[in-house]
Amino acid sequence: MISLSRDEFERIYSDELDALPDDMVEGLENVVFVTEDRPDDGSLDLLGLYDGVDVTRRDRYGFGELPDRIILYREPLLDLVGSVEELRDEIHVTLVHEIAHYYGIDDERLHELGWA
């Protein structure tokens, strides 16, 4: 477990988001990236969450819709790692995992691809 201020965590999170491949993020529409301390249940088990309707299930989605959210949970991520480098890696993997859910890729397929 490491300890970082919220600002330090946000800076690393932002750096990892900026480092994602352009072709992965260019197709994202109406999505916001946020951090929260913990999931609603207070556990340390969940690192991230895609909260929205994936592109494969959208029907007449468009104007006036609230944005989908990709949430990273700061405390579970910090609890999992032993260094800033490990944190960067976990944030990267978690971002890829949650973005994949936006594109309709389920956990089973993510396991097959090595991202879960």
Protein backbone atom coordinates (compact mmCIF):
# COMPACT_ATOMS: atom_id res chain seq x y z
CA MET A 1 0.00 0.00 0.00
CA ILE A 2 1.21 3.48 -0.79
CA SER A 3 0.03 6.89 0.36
CA LEU A 4 -0.51 9.75 -2.06
CA SER A 5 -2.44 12.98 -1.82
CA ARG A 6 -5.55 13.31 -3.92
CA ASP A 7 -3.71 15.80 -6.17
CA GLU A 8 -0.78 13.42 -6.71
CA PHE A 9 -3.18 10.60 -7.55
CA GLU A 10 -5.12 12.82 -9.97
CA ARG A 11 -1.89 13.84 -11.69
CA ILE A 12 -0.85 10.21 -12.24
CA TYR A 13 -4.38 9.35 -13.37
CA SER A 14 -4.34 12.22 -15.86
CA ASP A 15 -0.90 11.21 -17.17
CA GLU A 16 -2.05 7.63 -17.74
CA LEU A 17 -5.22 8.80 -19.46
CA ASP A 18 -3.15 11.02 -21.77
CA ALA A 19 -0.82 8.08 -22.53
CA LEU A 20 -3.61 5.84 -23.87
CA PRO A 21 -3.49 5.20 -27.62
CA ASP A 22 -5.43 7.75 -29.69
CA ASP A 23 -7.43 5.07 -31.48
CA MET A 24 -8.71 3.84 -28.10
CA VAL A 25 -10.02 7.19 -26.90
CA GLU A 26 -11.01 8.93 -30.14
CA GLY A 27 -14.24 6.92 -30.40
CA LEU A 28 -15.42 7.79 -26.90
CA GLU A 29 -18.49 10.00 -26.97
CA ASN A 30 -20.30 11.55 -24.03
CA VAL A 31 -17.99 9.95 -21.44
CA VAL A 32 -16.45 11.57 -18.40
CA PHE A 33 -13.53 10.18 -16.42
CA VAL A 34 -13.76 10.63 -12.66
CA THR A 35 -12.19 9.37 -9.47
CA GLU A 36 -13.93 8.51 -6.24
CA ASP A 37 -12.41 7.34 -2.98
CA ARG A 38 -14.30 4.03 -2.80
CA PRO A 39 -17.24 2.23 -4.37
CA ASP A 40 -20.65 2.85 -2.81
CA ASP A 41 -20.38 -0.33 -0.73
CA GLY A 42 -17.14 0.96 0.86
CA SER A 43 -15.11 -2.07 -0.19
CA LEU A 44 -11.57 -2.14 -1.48
CA ASP A 45 -12.38 -4.86 -4.02
CA LEU A 46 -13.38 -2.77 -7.05
CA LEU A 47 -10.72 -0.71 -8.85
CA GLY A 48 -12.91 0.87 -11.50
CA LEU A 49 -16.38 0.94 -13.00
CA TYR A 50 -17.97 1.76 -16.34
CA ASP A 51 -21.32 3.38 -15.60
CA GLY A 52 -23.34 3.77 -18.77
CA VAL A 53 -24.79 2.15 -21.86
CA ASP A 54 -22.15 0.52 -24.03
CA VAL A 55 -22.12 1.37 -27.73
CA THR A 56 -23.41 -2.07 -28.73
CA ARG A 57 -26.64 -1.54 -26.77
CA ARG A 58 -27.40 2.08 -27.63
CA ASP A 59 -30.55 2.69 -29.56
CA ARG A 60 -31.57 6.30 -29.91
CA TYR A 61 -28.82 7.59 -27.66
CA GLY A 62 -27.86 11.18 -28.17
CA PHE A 63 -28.76 14.75 -27.30
CA GLY A 64 -29.79 15.27 -23.72
CA GLU A 65 -28.32 12.05 -22.33
CA LEU A 66 -26.26 12.25 -19.18
CA PRO A 67 -22.67 11.29 -19.89
CA ASP A 68 -21.44 7.78 -19.25
CA ARG A 69 -18.81 7.64 -16.52
CA ILE A 70 -15.59 5.76 -16.15
CA ILE A 71 -14.76 5.79 -12.46
CA LEU A 72 -11.45 4.87 -10.88
CA TYR A 73 -11.47 4.21 -7.14
CA ARG A 74 -8.48 5.81 -5.47
CA GLU A 75 -8.31 3.95 -2.15
CA PRO A 76 -8.60 0.41 -3.59
CA LEU A 77 -5.91 1.22 -6.15
CA LEU A 78 -3.59 2.65 -3.51
CA ASP A 79 -4.26 -0.34 -1.24
CA LEU A 80 -3.31 -2.78 -4.00
CA VAL A 81 0.09 -1.41 -4.98
CA GLY A 82 3.48 -1.05 -3.36
CA SER A 83 4.97 1.69 -5.53
CA VAL A 84 4.07 4.58 -7.81
CA GLU A 85 5.17 2.52 -10.83
CA GLU A 86 2.78 -0.28 -9.85
CA LEU A 87 0.05 2.33 -9.41
CA ARG A 88 0.68 3.65 -12.92
CA ASP A 89 0.40 0.12 -14.29
CA GLU A 90 -2.82 -0.62 -12.38
CA ILE A 91 -4.40 2.67 -13.45
CA HIS A 92 -3.47 1.91 -17.07
CA VAL A 93 -4.95 -1.60 -16.95
CA THR A 94 -8.08 -0.35 -15.16
CA LEU A 95 -8.63 2.41 -17.73
CA VAL A 96 -8.24 -0.04 -20.62
CA HIS A 97 -10.61 -2.46 -18.87
CA GLU A 98 -13.34 0.15 -18.30
CA ILE A 99 -12.99 1.67 -21.78
CA ALA A 100 -13.39 -1.84 -23.18
CA HIS A 101 -16.73 -2.07 -21.38
CA TYR A 102 -17.78 1.16 -23.13
CA TYR A 103 -17.11 -0.62 -26.43
CA GLY A 104 -19.18 -3.62 -25.30
CA ILE A 105 -16.37 -6.01 -24.41
CA ASP A 106 -17.35 -8.14 -21.42
CA ASP A 107 -15.17 -9.48 -18.60
CA GLU A 108 -14.90 -12.94 -20.15
CA ARG A 109 -13.41 -11.52 -23.35
CA LEU A 110 -11.15 -9.19 -21.36
CA HIS A 111 -9.79 -12.24 -19.52
CA GLU A 112 -9.09 -13.92 -22.86
CA LEU A 113 -7.22 -10.79 -23.98
CA GLY A 114 -5.25 -10.53 -20.72
CA TRP A 115 -6.88 -7.29 -19.48
CA ALA A 116 -8.85 -8.63 -16.54
